[in-house]
Protein backbone atom coordinates (compact mmCIF):
# COMPACT_ATOMS: atom_id res chain seq x y z
CA MET A 1 35.65 -23.29 0.05
CA VAL A 2 32.59 -25.53 -0.19
CA SER A 3 29.86 -24.95 -2.79
CA ILE A 4 26.38 -26.29 -2.03
CA TYR A 5 23.83 -26.18 -4.84
CA VAL A 6 20.33 -26.44 -3.34
CA GLY A 7 18.06 -27.84 -6.05
CA SER A 8 14.88 -29.80 -6.57
CA THR A 9 13.12 -31.95 -9.12
CA ARG A 10 10.00 -29.77 -9.06
CA GLY A 11 9.15 -26.17 -8.26
CA TYR A 12 8.07 -24.87 -4.85
CA SER A 13 9.72 -27.70 -2.95
CA GLY A 14 11.30 -25.69 -0.14
CA LYS A 15 14.67 -24.62 -1.57
CA ASN A 16 14.51 -21.05 -0.25
CA LEU A 17 13.42 -22.21 3.17
CA THR A 18 16.25 -24.74 3.29
CA ILE A 19 18.83 -22.14 2.27
CA MET A 20 17.70 -19.76 5.00
CA GLY A 21 17.56 -22.53 7.59
CA ILE A 22 20.96 -24.06 6.95
CA GLY A 23 22.46 -20.63 6.23
CA GLN A 24 21.39 -19.42 9.67
CA ARG A 25 22.94 -22.52 11.25
CA PHE A 26 26.21 -22.04 9.33
CA LEU A 27 26.42 -18.43 10.50
CA LYS A 28 25.67 -19.42 14.09
CA ASP A 29 28.49 -21.98 13.91
CA GLY A 30 30.92 -19.26 12.84
CA LEU A 31 31.24 -20.10 9.13
CA ARG A 32 31.74 -17.35 6.57
CA VAL A 33 28.71 -17.74 4.32
CA GLY A 34 28.02 -16.56 0.79
CA TYR A 35 24.83 -16.89 -1.21
CA PHE A 36 23.85 -16.34 -4.78
CA LYS A 37 21.18 -17.41 -7.24
CA PRO A 38 22.40 -17.92 -10.81
CA PHE A 39 18.99 -17.51 -12.44
CA GLY A 40 15.94 -15.71 -11.07
CA ARG A 41 12.35 -15.27 -12.24
CA LEU A 42 11.08 -12.43 -10.01
CA PRO A 43 12.73 -9.20 -11.21
CA ILE A 44 13.18 -6.34 -8.77
CA LYS A 45 15.51 -3.32 -8.75
CA VAL A 46 17.69 -2.67 -5.70
CA ASP A 47 19.71 0.56 -5.79
CA GLY A 48 19.23 0.60 -9.56
CA VAL A 49 20.48 -2.98 -9.94
CA LEU A 50 18.21 -5.68 -11.42
CA THR A 51 18.05 -8.74 -9.18
CA ASP A 52 15.62 -11.44 -8.01
CA LYS A 53 13.04 -10.66 -5.31
CA ASP A 54 13.41 -13.97 -3.42
CA ALA A 55 17.21 -13.81 -3.61
CA TRP A 56 17.20 -10.28 -2.20
CA PHE A 57 14.97 -11.37 0.68
CA ILE A 58 17.27 -14.30 1.54
CA HIS A 59 20.28 -11.99 1.30
CA ARG A 60 18.70 -9.73 3.95
CA VAL A 61 17.53 -12.57 6.21
CA LEU A 62 21.10 -13.93 6.32
CA MET A 63 22.45 -10.35 6.73
CA LEU A 64 25.07 -10.80 4.01
CA LYS A 65 27.21 -7.96 2.66
CA ASP A 66 27.94 -8.96 -0.95
CA PRO A 67 26.95 -6.35 -3.57
CA PRO A 68 23.47 -6.68 -5.19
CA GLU A 69 24.93 -7.07 -8.69
CA THR A 70 26.48 -10.42 -7.75
CA LEU A 71 23.37 -11.73 -6.01
CA CYS A 72 21.47 -12.91 -9.10
CA PRO A 73 23.43 -12.27 -12.31
CA VAL A 74 20.67 -13.43 -14.69
CA VAL A 75 17.03 -12.48 -14.14
CA MET A 76 14.28 -13.55 -16.52
CA THR A 77 12.54 -10.55 -18.06
CA HIS A 78 10.20 -10.30 -21.02
CA ASP A 79 12.98 -8.79 -23.15
CA LEU A 80 15.44 -11.53 -22.24
CA MET A 81 12.91 -14.22 -23.10
CA ILE A 82 12.21 -12.68 -26.52
CA GLU A 83 15.91 -12.24 -27.30
CA GLY A 84 16.65 -15.79 -26.20
CA CYS A 85 13.96 -17.23 -28.44
CA ARG A 86 14.75 -15.11 -31.50
CA THR A 87 18.53 -14.91 -31.64
CA GLY A 88 19.89 -16.53 -28.48
CA VAL A 89 21.77 -14.73 -25.69
CA GLN A 90 25.52 -15.22 -25.45
CA GLY A 91 27.77 -14.98 -22.42
CA LEU A 92 25.26 -15.68 -19.65
CA GLN A 93 27.16 -18.64 -18.23
CA GLU A 94 30.33 -16.55 -18.10
CA LYS A 95 28.38 -13.81 -16.30
CA VAL A 96 27.15 -16.34 -13.71
CA LEU A 97 30.62 -17.79 -13.16
CA ASN A 98 32.14 -14.32 -12.71
CA ALA A 99 29.52 -13.45 -10.09
CA PHE A 100 30.17 -16.73 -8.31
CA GLU A 101 33.89 -15.99 -8.20
CA VAL A 102 33.23 -12.64 -6.53
CA VAL A 103 30.79 -14.08 -3.98
CA SER A 104 33.04 -17.01 -3.07
CA LYS A 105 36.08 -14.89 -2.14
CA GLY A 106 36.86 -15.18 1.57
CA LYS A 107 33.99 -17.60 2.23
CA ASP A 108 33.96 -21.00 3.90
CA VAL A 109 30.75 -22.04 2.16
CA VAL A 110 28.59 -20.64 -0.65
CA LEU A 111 24.93 -21.58 -0.90
CA ILE A 112 23.67 -21.58 -4.48
CA GLY A 113 19.92 -21.33 -4.94
CA GLY A 114 18.37 -23.20 -7.83
CA ALA A 115 15.40 -21.74 -9.70
CA GLY A 116 12.43 -24.04 -10.19
CA THR A 117 14.00 -27.41 -11.05
CA LEU A 118 17.50 -28.61 -11.87
CA GLU A 119 16.62 -28.10 -15.55
CA SER A 120 15.47 -24.48 -15.15
CA GLY A 121 17.65 -22.13 -17.22
CA LYS A 122 18.63 -24.83 -19.72
CA SER A 123 17.60 -22.63 -22.67
CA PHE A 124 20.35 -20.19 -21.59
CA ASP A 125 22.91 -22.89 -20.63
CA ILE A 126 22.69 -21.91 -16.95
CA SER A 127 20.60 -24.73 -15.50
CA GLY A 128 21.71 -26.60 -12.39
CA PHE A 129 22.96 -29.44 -14.57
CA ASP A 130 24.97 -26.93 -16.66
CA LEU A 131 26.60 -25.17 -13.70
CA ILE A 132 27.28 -27.80 -11.06
CA ASP A 133 30.49 -29.08 -12.64
CA GLU A 134 31.64 -25.59 -13.63
CA ILE A 135 31.54 -24.31 -10.04
CA ASN A 136 32.61 -27.63 -8.51
CA ALA A 137 29.46 -27.83 -6.41
CA ARG A 138 27.72 -30.72 -4.73
CA VAL A 139 23.95 -30.89 -4.66
CA LEU A 140 21.55 -30.88 -1.75
CA LEU A 141 18.23 -32.03 -3.19
CA VAL A 142 15.07 -30.75 -1.50
CA ASP A 143 11.67 -32.04 -2.56
CA ARG A 144 8.13 -32.35 -1.27
CA TYR A 145 7.32 -35.97 -0.54
CA ASP A 146 4.78 -37.18 -3.10
CA LYS A 147 4.50 -40.93 -2.48
CA GLU A 148 5.92 -43.17 -5.23
CA PHE A 149 6.51 -40.21 -7.57
CA TYR A 150 9.08 -38.88 -5.13
CA LEU A 151 11.31 -41.94 -5.50
CA ASP A 152 11.21 -41.85 -9.29
CA ALA A 153 12.29 -38.20 -9.42
CA VAL A 154 15.08 -38.58 -6.85
CA LEU A 155 16.50 -41.72 -8.48
CA ASP A 156 16.48 -40.00 -11.88
CA ALA A 157 18.38 -37.02 -10.42
CA HIS A 158 20.83 -39.38 -8.72
CA GLY A 159 21.47 -41.13 -12.03
CA ARG A 160 22.30 -37.82 -13.73
CA LEU A 161 24.28 -36.25 -10.89
CA GLY A 162 26.20 -39.28 -9.63
CA LYS A 163 28.65 -38.37 -6.86
CA ARG A 164 27.68 -34.71 -7.16
CA LEU A 165 24.51 -35.53 -5.23
CA ALA A 166 25.49 -35.25 -1.56
CA GLY A 167 22.07 -36.11 -0.15
CA VAL A 168 18.43 -35.18 0.16
CA ILE A 169 15.91 -33.55 2.48
CA LEU A 170 12.33 -34.79 2.36
CA ASN A 171 9.91 -31.93 2.83
CA SER A 172 6.25 -31.47 3.77
CA ILE A 173 5.48 -35.00 4.99
CA LYS A 174 1.88 -35.26 6.14
CA ALA A 175 0.99 -37.17 9.30
CA GLY A 176 -0.40 -40.18 7.44
CA SER A 177 2.89 -40.70 5.57
CA VAL A 178 5.38 -40.36 8.43
CA GLU A 179 5.54 -44.09 9.23
CA ASN A 180 5.89 -45.00 5.57
CA VAL A 181 8.72 -42.51 5.12
CA GLN A 182 10.64 -43.64 8.19
CA GLU A 183 10.26 -47.39 7.64
CA LEU A 184 10.37 -47.66 3.84
CA ILE A 185 11.42 -44.54 1.94
CA ILE A 186 14.47 -43.45 3.94
CA PRO A 187 15.96 -46.98 4.21
CA PHE A 188 15.38 -47.47 0.47
CA LEU A 189 17.20 -44.25 -0.44
CA GLU A 190 20.07 -45.05 1.91
CA ARG A 191 20.48 -48.49 0.27
CA LYS A 192 20.68 -46.71 -3.09
CA GLY A 193 23.57 -44.61 -1.78
CA ILE A 194 21.53 -41.44 -1.28
CA PRO A 195 21.98 -40.02 2.24
CA VAL A 196 18.89 -38.50 3.86
CA PHE A 197 19.75 -35.53 6.08
CA GLY A 198 16.27 -35.12 7.47
CA SER A 199 12.53 -35.24 6.87
CA LEU A 200 10.41 -32.17 7.53
CA PRO A 201 6.81 -32.72 8.65
CA TYR A 202 4.00 -30.81 7.00
CA ASP A 203 3.35 -27.64 8.96
CA ALA A 204 0.00 -25.85 8.70
CA VAL A 205 1.62 -22.43 9.14
CA LEU A 206 4.05 -23.07 6.29
CA GLY A 207 1.16 -24.23 4.11
CA SER A 208 -0.92 -21.17 4.95
CA VAL A 209 -1.79 -18.42 2.47
CA MET A 210 -2.22 -14.72 3.11
CA ILE A 211 -5.72 -13.45 2.28
CA ALA A 212 -4.18 -10.68 0.15
CA ASP A 213 -2.46 -13.32 -2.00
CA ILE A 214 -5.77 -15.14 -2.43
CA VAL A 215 -7.38 -11.92 -3.63
CA GLU A 216 -4.53 -11.32 -6.08
CA ALA A 217 -4.45 -14.88 -7.43
CA LEU A 218 -8.23 -15.04 -7.93
CA ALA A 219 -8.61 -11.42 -9.14
CA GLY A 220 -11.22 -11.03 -6.42
CA ASP A 221 -13.35 -8.07 -5.40
CA VAL A 222 -13.04 -7.32 -1.67
CA LEU A 223 -16.36 -6.14 -0.26
CA CYS A 224 -15.36 -5.42 3.34
CA CYS A 225 -12.59 -5.54 5.98
CA ARG A 226 -9.65 -4.63 3.74
CA ASN A 227 -7.59 -4.07 6.88
CA LYS A 228 -7.76 -7.83 7.58
CA LEU A 229 -6.11 -9.04 4.36
CA ASP A 230 -2.84 -9.87 6.13
CA GLY A 231 -4.50 -12.84 7.89
CA LEU A 232 -3.13 -16.33 7.17
CA ILE A 233 -5.42 -19.11 5.97
CA GLU A 234 -4.43 -22.68 6.90
CA HIS A 235 -7.50 -24.56 5.64
CA PHE A 236 -9.92 -24.06 2.75
CA LEU A 237 -13.41 -25.47 3.24
CA ILE A 238 -16.06 -25.99 0.58
CA GLY A 239 -19.44 -24.76 1.82
CA GLY A 240 -21.66 -26.98 -0.28
CA MET A 241 -23.50 -28.82 2.49
CA GLN A 242 -26.48 -28.25 4.79
CA VAL A 243 -26.10 -25.41 7.30
CA ASP A 244 -25.93 -27.56 10.44
CA ARG A 245 -23.18 -29.72 8.96
CA ALA A 246 -21.37 -26.66 7.64
CA LEU A 247 -21.23 -25.14 11.14
CA GLU A 248 -19.71 -28.31 12.60
CA TYR A 249 -17.25 -28.55 9.71
CA ILE A 250 -16.11 -24.92 9.96
CA ARG A 251 -15.65 -24.94 13.75
CA LYS A 252 -13.28 -27.92 13.58
CA ALA A 253 -10.73 -26.18 11.33
CA ARG A 254 -8.69 -23.28 12.69
CA ASN A 255 -7.78 -20.28 10.50
CA ASN A 256 -10.05 -21.37 7.67
CA ALA A 257 -11.58 -19.73 4.61
CA VAL A 258 -14.94 -20.92 3.31
CA ILE A 259 -15.42 -21.21 -0.45
CA VAL A 260 -19.13 -21.07 -1.23
CA GLY A 261 -21.47 -20.06 -4.02
CA GLY A 262 -22.49 -16.43 -3.94
CA ASP A 263 -26.16 -17.48 -3.80
CA ARG A 264 -25.82 -19.53 -0.57
CA ALA A 265 -26.67 -16.85 2.00
CA ASP A 266 -27.51 -19.51 4.60
CA VAL A 267 -24.01 -21.04 4.50
CA GLN A 268 -22.40 -17.59 4.31
CA LEU A 269 -24.11 -16.47 7.53
CA ALA A 270 -23.29 -19.78 9.23
CA ALA A 271 -19.62 -19.36 8.31
CA ILE A 272 -19.60 -15.82 9.70
CA GLU A 273 -21.18 -16.96 12.97
CA ALA A 274 -18.60 -19.78 13.21
CA MET A 275 -15.86 -17.11 12.83
CA THR A 276 -14.28 -18.18 9.57
CA GLN A 277 -11.29 -16.00 8.66
CA CYS A 278 -12.52 -15.20 5.16
CA LEU A 279 -15.46 -15.82 2.84
CA ILE A 280 -14.73 -16.53 -0.84
CA LEU A 281 -17.93 -16.25 -2.89
CA THR A 282 -17.85 -17.89 -6.31
CA GLY A 283 -19.70 -17.43 -9.59
CA ASN A 284 -19.42 -13.60 -9.53
CA LEU A 285 -22.55 -13.52 -7.35
CA TYR A 286 -22.71 -10.80 -4.71
CA PRO A 287 -24.18 -11.36 -1.22
CA ASN A 288 -27.06 -9.45 0.31
CA GLU A 289 -26.61 -6.54 2.70
CA ILE A 290 -27.29 -8.67 5.79
CA VAL A 291 -24.31 -10.92 4.99
CA ILE A 292 -22.02 -7.95 4.36
CA SER A 293 -23.16 -6.21 7.55
CA ARG A 294 -22.55 -9.29 9.72
CA ALA A 295 -19.12 -9.82 8.16
CA GLU A 296 -18.14 -6.20 8.85
CA ILE A 297 -19.19 -6.51 12.50
CA ARG A 298 -17.15 -9.72 12.88
CA GLY A 299 -14.15 -8.39 10.93
CA ILE A 300 -14.33 -11.09 8.23
CA PRO A 301 -13.30 -10.14 4.66
CA ILE A 302 -15.66 -11.15 1.86
CA VAL A 303 -14.07 -11.77 -1.54
CA VAL A 304 -16.19 -12.22 -4.67
CA VAL A 305 -14.56 -14.10 -7.58
CA ARG A 306 -15.67 -15.00 -11.10
CA ASP A 307 -14.62 -18.67 -11.11
CA ASP A 308 -16.79 -21.59 -10.07
CA THR A 309 -16.22 -23.33 -6.74
CA TYR A 310 -14.19 -26.22 -8.18
CA SER A 311 -11.82 -23.92 -10.10
CA VAL A 312 -11.28 -21.74 -7.03
CA ALA A 313 -10.50 -24.79 -4.88
CA LYS A 314 -7.85 -25.95 -7.37
CA LYS A 315 -6.23 -22.53 -7.52
CA VAL A 316 -6.00 -22.05 -3.76
CA GLU A 317 -4.58 -25.57 -3.40
CA ALA A 318 -1.76 -24.61 -5.76
CA LEU A 319 -1.20 -21.37 -3.81
CA SER A 320 -0.63 -23.24 -0.55
CA CYS A 321 2.40 -24.99 -2.09
CA LYS A 322 4.21 -21.69 -2.58
CA LEU A 323 6.17 -20.09 0.25
CA ARG A 324 5.70 -16.35 -0.08
CA LEU A 325 8.89 -14.95 1.40
CA LYS A 326 7.26 -11.70 2.49
CA GLU A 327 5.32 -13.64 5.12
CA LYS A 328 7.93 -13.51 7.88
CA GLU A 329 5.88 -15.58 10.30
CA LYS A 330 6.11 -18.50 7.87
CA VAL A 331 9.79 -17.95 7.16
CA TYR A 332 10.91 -18.04 10.78
CA CYS A 333 8.63 -20.98 11.51
CA GLY A 334 10.38 -22.81 8.67
CA ILE A 335 13.85 -21.88 9.91
CA ARG A 336 13.03 -23.30 13.34
CA LEU A 337 11.76 -26.49 11.69
CA ILE A 338 15.04 -26.90 9.77
CA GLU A 339 17.05 -26.43 12.96
CA GLU A 340 15.02 -29.10 14.76
CA GLU A 341 14.70 -31.75 12.06
CA ILE A 342 17.95 -31.73 10.04
CA ASN A 343 20.93 -33.89 11.06
CA PHE A 344 23.54 -31.14 10.80
CA LYS A 345 26.38 -33.37 11.99
CA ARG A 346 25.82 -35.68 9.05
CA LEU A 347 25.28 -32.79 6.63
CA TYR A 348 28.57 -31.17 7.71
CA GLU A 349 30.43 -34.45 7.21
CA ALA A 350 28.92 -35.02 3.78
CA PHE A 351 30.02 -31.61 2.51
CA GLY A 352 33.37 -31.60 4.31
CA LEU A 353 32.50 -28.60 6.48
CA HIS A 354 34.38 -28.00 9.71
CA VAL A 355 33.28 -25.66 12.48
């Protein structure tokens, strides 16, 4: 039985997507696959059992049959955090190892999902670094490419993991960095003894954000078209320019949302006429009735938020880095990307898997 710990040096790097993508390929190739997540941060109850929301979603996508109680043995709750800080919690590593033993029975390969970074869970002795040796796993490192910072983080992980690091996948590479990655970064990592199984290009759909999530993250007030909140936003545009330039700007970007001051009725109407997907009005300033009426006719949600334009732009930028697993369109787009871009022959050889 082969244990693959999918980890990263920073959060929201594509671990869940990678697990679903390679898990689907393993199943298609006839391997008996198990999955579990030692430590989760999104509590949810399934049939009365506390587990992790993302882990439960992956479990269903891969159509696995293991019981929910083994899926994520330790889930961060407010009570657990308080107990851990005040007195410490004993026996969590043993609980994780017992769950792993159950999941691994009768399997050819078990995919282990890291939470956050390789250090996450250290306060409970269940971080990636704590568990990898205990479960005799090798690590598949998945990280978003972030120029020179990427190399520093990967080399540091390699120094700590040694031979436990089987290789890496570079994720979310934007068009302007592709040549640099292919000609410099990948050869450099290979010379350092770190195999690269693939590089995934940035995909606008994967980076998109559901309007409903924008509303939730910004604590926004939706003025119209609540039935359109399931739309996906690929680009966020700042409407701080003259109207004629704003129109040109908005029409060039597909599936966009325009962030604009609530007092800029001229830009708001221009954005509506250019068929933006959503208007985000900042400064807690509400639009006039003409703007709301035009938006309703066009089916464009208007969201009013308290923050200033700069703060809103920073928040939505952070949102686009997070893959919300409930957005199935994004998930299956990502799975297809994994299938196309990963060198599975090399990955199988590195982990000693045989079809």
